[in-house]
Amino acid sequence: MTTTIPQQVVNARRIAGVILVLSALATVIMLVILAAWWSTQPPSVAGATGSPSNTPTIAASVPAQPAIQPSVSPQVALEHEADGDRQQVEALVGSWVPQLSSKTVGLEADGITYGYSEILDHFNWLKARYPQALLLRSDGYASFEMSGYWIIVMPVTYTSGAEANSWCDYEGIDPDNCFAKLLRHTGEASGTTLFRQ
């Protein structure tokens, strides 16, 4: 004798089977997503205890720059900084930029007689306020009448001196410590400076 299963029971079993399959599929998808996320986490988050050679370092994502050794003289530190900034400064040639400082050994200003140490301290002070500030030597540019000066500029370019001076105005820097400079390699130094009133 054959027992007939009611259609409602058959339908209920089919629905239960579909739900079971969908639940299993959802679990697998969640595990795949979790595994993918887990593999992208740094070792400290993922709980890995790999050796230091497997641990990512911040330096890998930071552009390589030569490190200044703390034992070097201020003169060498300044030269090192100017060498490191040269490529960025060269990109400014032909444009007006805000000049923040011009110092040379023996210069007396604001009650300070500048040597290499004082010039480096001044550069570091400005760099703390304006991290993009760049250092250059006056010797390499026709824009400066005198050689031997350490110049600090901002890498923001303008087509006119008035526009560069507006940056100084906006920053609230006094006219003696910020004015427009046109950087160039050829020609005369005259016409490359626009002082503020």
N, C-alpha and C. Protein backbone atom coordinates (compact mmCIF):
# COMPACT_ATOMS: atom_id res chain seq x y z
N MET A 1 0.84 -1.17 0.00
CA MET A 1 0.00 0.00 0.00
C MET A 1 0.89 1.23 0.00
N THR A 2 0.61 2.09 -0.95
CA THR A 2 1.41 3.29 -1.11
C THR A 2 0.79 4.43 -0.33
N THR A 3 1.65 5.09 0.45
CA THR A 3 1.15 6.23 1.23
C THR A 3 1.37 7.50 0.43
N THR A 4 0.36 8.28 0.27
CA THR A 4 0.47 9.54 -0.47
C THR A 4 0.77 10.67 0.52
N ILE A 5 1.85 11.39 0.19
CA ILE A 5 2.23 12.52 1.06
C ILE A 5 1.44 13.74 0.62
N PRO A 6 0.79 14.37 1.54
CA PRO A 6 -0.02 15.55 1.18
C PRO A 6 0.84 16.60 0.50
N GLN A 7 0.25 17.32 -0.46
CA GLN A 7 0.96 18.36 -1.23
C GLN A 7 1.52 19.45 -0.32
N GLN A 8 0.83 19.76 0.75
CA GLN A 8 1.30 20.80 1.67
C GLN A 8 2.62 20.40 2.32
N VAL A 9 2.74 19.13 2.66
CA VAL A 9 3.98 18.64 3.27
C VAL A 9 5.11 18.70 2.26
N VAL A 10 4.82 18.31 1.02
CA VAL A 10 5.84 18.36 -0.04
C VAL A 10 6.32 19.79 -0.23
N ASN A 11 5.38 20.72 -0.30
CA ASN A 11 5.74 22.13 -0.48
C ASN A 11 6.56 22.65 0.69
N ALA A 12 6.18 22.25 1.89
CA ALA A 12 6.90 22.69 3.09
C ALA A 12 8.33 22.17 3.07
N ARG A 13 8.49 20.90 2.63
CA ARG A 13 9.84 20.32 2.56
C ARG A 13 10.68 21.04 1.51
N ARG A 14 10.07 21.37 0.38
CA ARG A 14 10.82 22.09 -0.67
C ARG A 14 11.27 23.47 -0.15
N ILE A 15 10.35 24.15 0.50
CA ILE A 15 10.70 25.49 1.03
C ILE A 15 11.81 25.37 2.06
N ALA A 16 11.72 24.38 2.94
CA ALA A 16 12.76 24.18 3.96
C ALA A 16 14.09 23.88 3.31
N GLY A 17 14.06 23.08 2.23
CA GLY A 17 15.31 22.76 1.52
C GLY A 17 15.93 24.00 0.88
N VAL A 18 15.08 24.81 0.26
CA VAL A 18 15.57 26.06 -0.36
C VAL A 18 16.17 26.97 0.69
N ILE A 19 15.47 27.10 1.83
CA ILE A 19 15.99 27.96 2.91
C ILE A 19 17.32 27.44 3.42
N LEU A 20 17.44 26.14 3.55
CA LEU A 20 18.69 25.53 4.02
C LEU A 20 19.83 25.81 3.04
N VAL A 21 19.56 25.67 1.74
CA VAL A 21 20.58 25.94 0.72
C VAL A 21 20.98 27.40 0.73
N LEU A 22 19.99 28.30 0.82
CA LEU A 22 20.30 29.74 0.85
C LEU A 22 21.09 30.12 2.09
N SER A 23 20.76 29.54 3.22
CA SER A 23 21.50 29.82 4.46
C SER A 23 22.94 29.37 4.34
N ALA A 24 23.15 28.18 3.77
CA ALA A 24 24.51 27.67 3.59
C ALA A 24 25.30 28.57 2.64
N LEU A 25 24.63 29.02 1.56
CA LEU A 25 25.28 29.90 0.59
C LEU A 25 25.65 31.24 1.22
N ALA A 26 24.76 31.80 2.02
CA ALA A 26 25.02 33.07 2.70
C ALA A 26 26.19 32.93 3.67
N THR A 27 26.26 31.80 4.37
CA THR A 27 27.37 31.56 5.30
C THR A 27 28.70 31.51 4.56
N VAL A 28 28.72 30.83 3.43
CA VAL A 28 29.96 30.73 2.63
C VAL A 28 30.39 32.11 2.15
N ILE A 29 29.42 32.90 1.66
CA ILE A 29 29.75 34.25 1.17
C ILE A 29 30.30 35.10 2.30
N MET A 30 29.69 35.03 3.47
CA MET A 30 30.17 35.81 4.61
C MET A 30 31.59 35.41 5.02
N LEU A 31 31.86 34.11 4.97
CA LEU A 31 33.21 33.63 5.31
C LEU A 31 34.23 34.12 4.30
N VAL A 32 33.87 34.14 3.02
CA VAL A 32 34.79 34.63 1.98
C VAL A 32 35.07 36.11 2.19
N ILE A 33 34.02 36.89 2.46
CA ILE A 33 34.19 38.33 2.70
C ILE A 33 35.05 38.57 3.93
N LEU A 34 34.79 37.84 5.00
CA LEU A 34 35.57 37.99 6.23
C LEU A 34 37.03 37.62 6.01
N ALA A 35 37.27 36.57 5.27
CA ALA A 35 38.65 36.15 4.99
C ALA A 35 39.38 37.20 4.16
N ALA A 36 38.68 37.79 3.18
CA ALA A 36 39.29 38.83 2.34
C ALA A 36 39.62 40.06 3.18
N TRP A 37 38.69 40.46 4.05
CA TRP A 37 38.94 41.62 4.91
C TRP A 37 40.09 41.34 5.86
N TRP A 38 40.10 40.17 6.45
CA TRP A 38 41.13 39.80 7.43
C TRP A 38 42.52 39.83 6.81
N SER A 39 42.61 39.42 5.55
CA SER A 39 43.93 39.36 4.90
C SER A 39 44.48 40.74 4.58
N THR A 40 43.62 41.77 4.57
CA THR A 40 44.10 43.13 4.27
C THR A 40 44.48 43.90 5.52
N GLN A 41 44.26 43.34 6.69
CA GLN A 41 44.56 44.06 7.93
C GLN A 41 46.03 43.92 8.29
N PRO A 42 46.60 45.01 8.90
CA PRO A 42 47.98 44.90 9.38
C PRO A 42 48.09 43.82 10.44
N PRO A 43 49.29 43.32 10.68
CA PRO A 43 49.47 42.24 11.65
C PRO A 43 48.90 42.53 13.02
N SER A 44 48.97 43.77 13.48
CA SER A 44 48.47 44.08 14.82
C SER A 44 46.97 43.92 14.91
N VAL A 45 46.24 44.14 13.79
CA VAL A 45 44.79 43.98 13.79
C VAL A 45 44.42 42.53 13.55
N ALA A 46 45.10 41.90 12.59
CA ALA A 46 44.76 40.53 12.22
C ALA A 46 45.23 39.52 13.24
N GLY A 47 46.08 39.94 14.18
CA GLY A 47 46.54 39.03 15.21
C GLY A 47 47.72 38.20 14.78
N ALA A 48 48.37 38.59 13.67
CA ALA A 48 49.53 37.82 13.20
C ALA A 48 50.71 38.08 14.10
N THR A 49 51.57 37.11 14.18
CA THR A 49 52.77 37.26 15.01
C THR A 49 53.99 36.96 14.16
N GLY A 50 53.96 37.46 12.94
CA GLY A 50 55.07 37.20 12.01
C GLY A 50 56.34 37.88 12.46
N SER A 51 57.41 37.53 11.81
CA SER A 51 58.71 38.12 12.12
C SER A 51 58.73 39.56 11.62
N PRO A 52 59.66 40.40 12.12
CA PRO A 52 59.73 41.79 11.70
C PRO A 52 59.85 41.93 10.19
N SER A 53 60.45 40.98 9.52
CA SER A 53 60.60 41.10 8.07
C SER A 53 59.27 41.00 7.36
N ASN A 54 58.25 40.44 8.01
CA ASN A 54 56.93 40.35 7.40
C ASN A 54 56.03 41.51 7.79
N THR A 55 56.49 42.37 8.68
CA THR A 55 55.68 43.46 9.17
C THR A 55 55.86 44.68 8.27
N PRO A 56 54.74 45.23 7.73
CA PRO A 56 54.87 46.40 6.88
C PRO A 56 55.35 47.59 7.69
N THR A 57 56.11 48.48 7.05
CA THR A 57 56.62 49.66 7.74
C THR A 57 56.07 50.91 7.08
N ILE A 58 55.98 51.98 7.84
CA ILE A 58 55.48 53.24 7.33
C ILE A 58 56.40 53.75 6.23
N ALA A 59 57.69 53.54 6.37
CA ALA A 59 58.64 54.06 5.40
C ALA A 59 58.36 53.58 3.99
N ALA A 60 57.73 52.42 3.87
CA ALA A 60 57.46 51.89 2.54
C ALA A 60 56.47 52.77 1.78
N SER A 61 55.62 53.52 2.48
CA SER A 61 54.63 54.35 1.81
C SER A 61 55.03 55.82 1.75
N VAL A 62 56.18 56.18 2.30
CA VAL A 62 56.64 57.55 2.32
C VAL A 62 57.73 57.72 1.28
N PRO A 63 57.68 58.80 0.46
CA PRO A 63 58.73 59.00 -0.53
C PRO A 63 60.10 59.02 0.14
N ALA A 64 61.04 58.32 -0.45
CA ALA A 64 62.37 58.23 0.15
C ALA A 64 63.08 59.57 0.09
N GLN A 65 63.59 60.03 1.22
CA GLN A 65 64.39 61.23 1.29
C GLN A 65 65.62 60.93 2.12
N PRO A 66 66.75 61.47 1.70
CA PRO A 66 67.95 61.22 2.48
C PRO A 66 67.80 61.76 3.89
N ALA A 67 68.14 60.96 4.87
CA ALA A 67 68.00 61.37 6.26
C ALA A 67 69.21 62.19 6.70
N ILE A 68 68.94 63.27 7.44
CA ILE A 68 70.02 64.09 7.97
C ILE A 68 70.49 63.46 9.27
N GLN A 69 71.76 63.14 9.33
CA GLN A 69 72.31 62.55 10.54
C GLN A 69 72.40 63.62 11.62
N PRO A 70 71.99 63.31 12.84
CA PRO A 70 72.00 64.32 13.89
C PRO A 70 73.40 64.82 14.23
N SER A 71 74.42 64.07 13.84
CA SER A 71 75.78 64.46 14.19
C SER A 71 76.42 65.38 13.15
N VAL A 72 75.74 65.64 12.03
CA VAL A 72 76.35 66.48 11.00
C VAL A 72 76.31 67.93 11.41
N SER A 73 77.19 68.72 10.82
CA SER A 73 77.26 70.14 11.14
C SER A 73 76.05 70.85 10.53
N PRO A 74 75.69 72.03 11.07
CA PRO A 74 74.57 72.79 10.50
C PRO A 74 74.78 73.11 9.01
N GLN A 75 76.02 73.39 8.61
CA GLN A 75 76.28 73.68 7.20
C GLN A 75 75.95 72.47 6.32
N VAL A 76 76.40 71.30 6.74
CA VAL A 76 76.13 70.08 5.98
C VAL A 76 74.62 69.80 5.96
N ALA A 77 73.96 70.05 7.08
CA ALA A 77 72.51 69.84 7.15
C ALA A 77 71.78 70.75 6.18
N LEU A 78 72.21 72.01 6.09
CA LEU A 78 71.60 72.95 5.14
C LEU A 78 71.84 72.50 3.70
N GLU A 79 73.07 72.10 3.41
CA GLU A 79 73.39 71.64 2.05
C GLU A 79 72.57 70.40 1.69
N HIS A 80 72.43 69.52 2.66
CA HIS A 80 71.66 68.30 2.46
C HIS A 80 70.20 68.63 2.15
N GLU A 81 69.65 69.58 2.91
CA GLU A 81 68.25 69.99 2.70
C GLU A 81 68.07 70.62 1.33
N ALA A 82 68.99 71.53 0.96
CA ALA A 82 68.89 72.19 -0.35
C ALA A 82 69.02 71.19 -1.49
N ASP A 83 69.90 70.21 -1.35
CA ASP A 83 70.05 69.17 -2.37
C ASP A 83 68.76 68.36 -2.50
N GLY A 84 68.15 68.05 -1.35
CA GLY A 84 66.92 67.27 -1.37
C GLY A 84 65.74 68.03 -1.96
N ASP A 85 65.76 69.37 -1.83
CA ASP A 85 64.66 70.20 -2.34
C ASP A 85 64.87 70.65 -3.79
N ARG A 86 66.06 70.40 -4.35
CA ARG A 86 66.40 70.96 -5.66
C ARG A 86 65.40 70.63 -6.75
N GLN A 87 64.96 69.40 -6.83
CA GLN A 87 64.05 69.01 -7.90
C GLN A 87 62.73 69.78 -7.81
N GLN A 88 62.21 69.94 -6.59
CA GLN A 88 60.98 70.70 -6.42
C GLN A 88 61.18 72.18 -6.73
N VAL A 89 62.33 72.72 -6.35
CA VAL A 89 62.62 74.13 -6.63
C VAL A 89 62.72 74.34 -8.14
N GLU A 90 63.35 73.41 -8.84
CA GLU A 90 63.50 73.54 -10.29
C GLU A 90 62.14 73.61 -10.98
N ALA A 91 61.15 72.97 -10.42
CA ALA A 91 59.80 73.01 -10.99
C ALA A 91 59.17 74.40 -10.86
N LEU A 92 59.74 75.25 -10.02
CA LEU A 92 59.22 76.60 -9.80
C LEU A 92 59.85 77.63 -10.73
N VAL A 93 60.93 77.27 -11.41
CA VAL A 93 61.65 78.20 -12.27
C VAL A 93 60.71 78.73 -13.36
N GLY A 94 60.73 80.06 -13.51
CA GLY A 94 59.86 80.71 -14.48
C GLY A 94 58.57 81.24 -13.87
N SER A 95 58.36 81.00 -12.59
CA SER A 95 57.14 81.46 -11.91
C SER A 95 57.48 82.36 -10.73
N TRP A 96 56.50 83.16 -10.36
CA TRP A 96 56.60 83.98 -9.15
C TRP A 96 56.18 83.13 -7.95
N VAL A 97 56.95 83.23 -6.88
CA VAL A 97 56.66 82.48 -5.65
C VAL A 97 56.84 83.40 -4.45
N PRO A 98 56.21 83.08 -3.31
CA PRO A 98 56.46 83.84 -2.09
C PRO A 98 57.83 83.44 -1.50
N GLN A 99 58.67 84.43 -1.25
CA GLN A 99 59.96 84.19 -0.59
C GLN A 99 59.80 84.55 0.88
N LEU A 100 60.17 83.59 1.74
CA LEU A 100 60.00 83.77 3.18
C LEU A 100 61.26 84.21 3.90
N SER A 101 62.41 83.97 3.30
CA SER A 101 63.65 84.28 4.03
C SER A 101 64.84 84.30 3.08
N SER A 102 65.84 85.07 3.47
CA SER A 102 67.11 85.13 2.75
C SER A 102 68.19 85.43 3.79
N LYS A 103 69.01 84.43 4.05
CA LYS A 103 70.02 84.57 5.12
C LYS A 103 71.38 84.09 4.61
N THR A 104 72.43 84.74 5.11
CA THR A 104 73.79 84.32 4.82
C THR A 104 74.63 84.43 6.09
N VAL A 105 75.71 83.71 6.12
CA VAL A 105 76.59 83.74 7.29
C VAL A 105 77.13 85.15 7.49
N GLY A 106 76.99 85.68 8.70
CA GLY A 106 77.46 87.02 9.03
C GLY A 106 76.37 88.07 8.98
N LEU A 107 75.21 87.73 8.42
CA LEU A 107 74.10 88.69 8.35
C LEU A 107 73.61 89.02 9.76
N GLU A 108 73.36 90.30 10.02
CA GLU A 108 72.80 90.73 11.29
C GLU A 108 71.38 91.23 11.04
N ALA A 109 70.42 90.59 11.70
CA ALA A 109 69.02 90.98 11.54
C ALA A 109 68.25 90.59 12.79
N ASP A 110 67.36 91.47 13.20
CA ASP A 110 66.51 91.21 14.37
C ASP A 110 67.32 90.83 15.61
N GLY A 111 68.48 91.46 15.78
CA GLY A 111 69.31 91.20 16.96
C GLY A 111 70.07 89.89 16.90
N ILE A 112 70.09 89.24 15.74
CA ILE A 112 70.78 87.96 15.59
C ILE A 112 71.89 88.11 14.56
N THR A 113 73.06 87.58 14.89
CA THR A 113 74.12 87.47 13.90
C THR A 113 74.08 86.02 13.40
N TYR A 114 73.77 85.86 12.13
CA TYR A 114 73.51 84.53 11.59
C TYR A 114 74.79 83.79 11.23
N GLY A 115 74.86 82.57 11.75
CA GLY A 115 75.84 81.59 11.31
C GLY A 115 75.05 80.42 10.75
N TYR A 116 75.73 79.34 10.42
CA TYR A 116 75.02 78.18 9.86
C TYR A 116 73.98 77.63 10.84
N SER A 117 74.31 77.63 12.11
CA SER A 117 73.40 77.10 13.12
C SER A 117 72.13 77.93 13.20
N GLU A 118 72.27 79.25 13.18
CA GLU A 118 71.11 80.14 13.27
C GLU A 118 70.26 80.05 11.99
N ILE A 119 70.93 79.92 10.85
CA ILE A 119 70.19 79.79 9.59
C ILE A 119 69.40 78.48 9.58
N LEU A 120 70.01 77.41 10.06
CA LEU A 120 69.31 76.12 10.13
C LEU A 120 68.14 76.19 11.11
N ASP A 121 68.36 76.83 12.25
CA ASP A 121 67.27 76.98 13.23
C ASP A 121 66.11 77.77 12.63
N HIS A 122 66.44 78.84 11.89
CA HIS A 122 65.41 79.66 11.26
C HIS A 122 64.64 78.85 10.22
N PHE A 123 65.38 78.07 9.42
CA PHE A 123 64.71 77.22 8.43
C PHE A 123 63.78 76.23 9.12
N ASN A 124 64.26 75.57 10.17
CA ASN A 124 63.43 74.58 10.88
C ASN A 124 62.19 75.23 11.50
N TRP A 125 62.34 76.46 11.98
CA TRP A 125 61.20 77.18 12.55
C TRP A 125 60.14 77.46 11.48
N LEU A 126 60.59 77.92 10.30
CA LEU A 126 59.65 78.17 9.21
C LEU A 126 59.05 76.88 8.67
N LYS A 127 59.87 75.84 8.62
CA LYS A 127 59.39 74.54 8.11
C LYS A 127 58.31 73.96 9.03
N ALA A 128 58.41 74.23 10.31
CA ALA A 128 57.39 73.75 11.24
C ALA A 128 56.06 74.46 10.98
N ARG A 129 56.13 75.71 10.59
CA ARG A 129 54.90 76.46 10.30
C ARG A 129 54.39 76.18 8.89
N TYR A 130 55.31 76.05 7.95
CA TYR A 130 54.96 75.79 6.55
C TYR A 130 55.71 74.55 6.08
N PRO A 131 55.15 73.37 6.29
CA PRO A 131 55.86 72.13 5.97
C PRO A 131 56.28 71.99 4.50
N GLN A 132 55.63 72.72 3.60
CA GLN A 132 55.99 72.62 2.18
C GLN A 132 57.16 73.53 1.81
N ALA A 133 57.62 74.38 2.72
CA ALA A 133 58.69 75.33 2.42
C ALA A 133 59.93 74.62 1.88
N LEU A 134 60.59 75.27 0.92
CA LEU A 134 61.76 74.69 0.27
C LEU A 134 62.98 75.59 0.47
N LEU A 135 64.14 74.96 0.52
CA LEU A 135 65.40 75.68 0.71
C LEU A 135 66.23 75.62 -0.57
N LEU A 136 66.83 76.75 -0.93
CA LEU A 136 67.70 76.79 -2.10
C LEU A 136 68.88 77.71 -1.85
N ARG A 137 69.91 77.56 -2.66
CA ARG A 137 71.08 78.45 -2.60
C ARG A 137 70.94 79.52 -3.66
N SER A 138 71.24 80.75 -3.32
CA SER A 138 71.13 81.85 -4.29
C SER A 138 72.09 81.67 -5.46
N ASP A 139 73.18 80.94 -5.24
CA ASP A 139 74.21 80.77 -6.27
C ASP A 139 73.68 80.16 -7.57
N GLY A 140 72.66 79.33 -7.47
CA GLY A 140 72.20 78.60 -8.64
C GLY A 140 71.16 79.32 -9.47
N TYR A 141 70.82 80.58 -9.12
CA TYR A 141 69.74 81.27 -9.81
C TYR A 141 70.12 82.71 -10.13
N ALA A 142 69.78 83.15 -11.35
CA ALA A 142 70.09 84.51 -11.78
C ALA A 142 69.20 85.53 -11.07
N SER A 143 68.19 85.07 -10.37
CA SER A 143 67.25 85.95 -9.68
C SER A 143 67.88 86.69 -8.51
N PHE A 144 69.03 86.24 -8.05
CA PHE A 144 69.65 86.82 -6.85
C PHE A 144 70.96 87.50 -7.22
N GLU A 145 71.12 88.74 -6.74
CA GLU A 145 72.33 89.51 -7.05
C GLU A 145 73.55 88.98 -6.31
N MET A 146 73.34 88.43 -5.12
CA MET A 146 74.46 88.02 -4.28
C MET A 146 74.46 86.51 -4.08
N SER A 147 75.64 85.94 -4.09
CA SER A 147 75.77 84.50 -3.86
C SER A 147 75.95 84.23 -2.37
N GLY A 148 75.84 82.98 -1.99
CA GLY A 148 76.07 82.58 -0.60
C GLY A 148 74.86 82.73 0.31
N TYR A 149 73.71 83.00 -0.26
CA TYR A 149 72.50 83.16 0.56
C TYR A 149 71.67 81.87 0.54
N TRP A 150 71.06 81.58 1.68
CA TRP A 150 70.12 80.48 1.81
C TRP A 150 68.73 81.08 1.72
N ILE A 151 67.98 80.68 0.72
CA ILE A 151 66.68 81.26 0.43
C ILE A 151 65.59 80.23 0.76
N ILE A 152 64.51 80.69 1.38
CA ILE A 152 63.37 79.82 1.68
C ILE A 152 62.17 80.34 0.90
N VAL A 153 61.57 79.47 0.10
CA VAL A 153 60.40 79.85 -0.70
C VAL A 153 59.27 78.86 -0.47
N MET A 154 58.08 79.30 -0.83
CA MET A 154 56.91 78.43 -0.80
C MET A 154 56.65 77.91 -2.22
N PRO A 155 56.36 76.64 -2.38
CA PRO A 155 56.13 76.07 -3.71
C PRO A 155 54.71 76.30 -4.22
N VAL A 156 54.30 77.57 -4.23
CA VAL A 156 53.02 77.96 -4.82
C VAL A 156 53.36 78.97 -5.92
N THR A 157 52.95 78.69 -7.14
CA THR A 157 53.37 79.49 -8.28
C THR A 157 52.29 80.43 -8.76
N TYR A 158 52.74 81.59 -9.24
CA TYR A 158 51.84 82.62 -9.75
C TYR A 158 52.44 83.21 -11.02
N THR A 159 51.59 83.84 -11.81
CA THR A 159 52.06 84.46 -13.06
C THR A 159 52.49 85.90 -12.85
N SER A 160 52.23 86.45 -11.67
CA SER A 160 52.65 87.83 -11.38
C SER A 160 53.12 87.95 -9.94
N GLY A 161 53.95 88.98 -9.73
CA GLY A 161 54.42 89.24 -8.37
C GLY A 161 53.30 89.66 -7.45
N ALA A 162 52.33 90.40 -7.99
CA ALA A 162 51.20 90.86 -7.16
C ALA A 162 50.43 89.66 -6.62
N GLU A 163 50.26 88.63 -7.44
CA GLU A 163 49.54 87.44 -6.98
C GLU A 163 50.33 86.72 -5.89
N ALA A 164 51.64 86.62 -6.05
CA ALA A 164 52.47 85.97 -5.03
C ALA A 164 52.41 86.77 -3.73
N ASN A 165 52.40 88.08 -3.84
CA ASN A 165 52.31 88.91 -2.64
C ASN A 165 50.96 88.76 -1.94
N SER A 166 49.92 88.44 -2.71
CA SER A 166 48.61 88.24 -2.08
C SER A 166 48.63 87.02 -1.16
N TRP A 167 49.48 86.03 -1.49
CA TRP A 167 49.63 84.87 -0.59
C TRP A 167 50.20 85.34 0.74
N CYS A 168 51.22 86.21 0.70
CA CYS A 168 51.82 86.74 1.93
C CYS A 168 50.78 87.52 2.74
N ASP A 169 49.96 88.32 2.03
CA ASP A 169 48.91 89.09 2.71
C ASP A 169 47.94 88.15 3.41
N TYR A 170 47.53 87.12 2.70
CA TYR A 170 46.57 86.16 3.25
C TYR A 170 47.12 85.48 4.50
N GLU A 171 48.42 85.17 4.48
CA GLU A 171 49.05 84.49 5.62
C GLU A 171 49.34 85.45 6.77
N GLY A 172 49.22 86.74 6.53
CA GLY A 172 49.45 87.72 7.59
C GLY A 172 50.92 87.89 7.95
N ILE A 173 51.81 87.65 7.00
CA ILE A 173 53.25 87.80 7.24
C ILE A 173 53.66 89.22 6.90
N ASP A 174 54.49 89.82 7.71
CA ASP A 174 54.88 91.21 7.47
C ASP A 174 55.69 91.34 6.19
N PRO A 175 55.67 92.55 5.58
CA PRO A 175 56.33 92.76 4.28
C PRO A 175 57.83 92.48 4.25
N ASP A 176 58.50 92.61 5.40
CA ASP A 176 59.94 92.34 5.43
C ASP A 176 60.26 90.84 5.35
N ASN A 177 59.29 90.02 5.68
CA ASN A 177 59.54 88.58 5.75
C ASN A 177 58.76 87.75 4.74
N CYS A 178 58.10 88.41 3.80
CA CYS A 178 57.41 87.67 2.75
C CYS A 178 57.14 88.62 1.59
N PHE A 179 57.67 88.28 0.44
CA PHE A 179 57.43 89.08 -0.76
C PHE A 179 57.65 88.20 -1.99
N ALA A 180 57.26 88.72 -3.14
CA ALA A 180 57.27 87.94 -4.38
C ALA A 180 58.66 87.87 -5.00
N LYS A 181 58.99 86.67 -5.48
CA LYS A 181 60.28 86.45 -6.16
C LYS A 181 60.05 85.62 -7.42
N LEU A 182 60.63 86.07 -8.52
CA LEU A 182 60.59 85.32 -9.78
C LEU A 182 61.87 84.50 -9.88
N LEU A 183 61.74 83.20 -9.92
CA LEU A 183 62.92 82.34 -10.01
C LEU A 183 63.27 82.10 -11.48
N ARG A 184 64.54 82.31 -11.81
CA ARG A 184 65.01 82.02 -13.16
C ARG A 184 66.52 81.79 -13.16
N HIS A 185 66.98 81.11 -14.18
CA HIS A 185 68.40 80.79 -14.29
C HIS A 185 69.17 81.78 -15.15
N THR A 186 68.48 82.46 -16.04
CA THR A 186 69.16 83.37 -16.97
C THR A 186 68.62 84.78 -16.82
N GLY A 187 69.36 85.73 -17.38
CA GLY A 187 68.94 87.13 -17.33
C GLY A 187 69.50 87.84 -16.12
N GLU A 188 68.95 89.02 -15.87
CA GLU A 188 69.41 89.86 -14.77
C GLU A 188 68.54 89.64 -13.53
N ALA A 189 69.09 90.01 -12.39
CA ALA A 189 68.33 89.90 -11.15
C ALA A 189 67.28 90.98 -11.04
N SER A 190 67.51 92.11 -11.75
CA SER A 190 66.53 93.20 -11.68
C SER A 190 65.20 92.74 -12.27
N GLY A 191 64.13 93.15 -11.63
CA GLY A 191 62.80 92.78 -12.09
C GLY A 191 62.31 91.45 -11.58
N THR A 192 63.11 90.80 -10.71
CA THR A 192 62.69 89.48 -10.21
C THR A 192 62.15 89.56 -8.77
N THR A 193 62.09 90.77 -8.21
CA THR A 193 61.60 90.93 -6.84
C THR A 193 60.51 91.98 -6.83
N LEU A 194 59.41 91.68 -6.18
CA LEU A 194 58.35 92.68 -5.99
C LEU A 194 58.08 92.76 -4.50
N PHE A 195 58.58 93.83 -3.88
CA PHE A 195 58.38 94.02 -2.44
C PHE A 195 56.95 94.47 -2.16
N ARG A 196 56.50 94.21 -0.95
CA ARG A 196 55.20 94.65 -0.50
C ARG A 196 55.33 95.98 0.24
N GLN A 197 54.26 96.72 0.22
CA GLN A 197 54.27 98.04 0.91
C GLN A 197 53.87 97.86 2.36
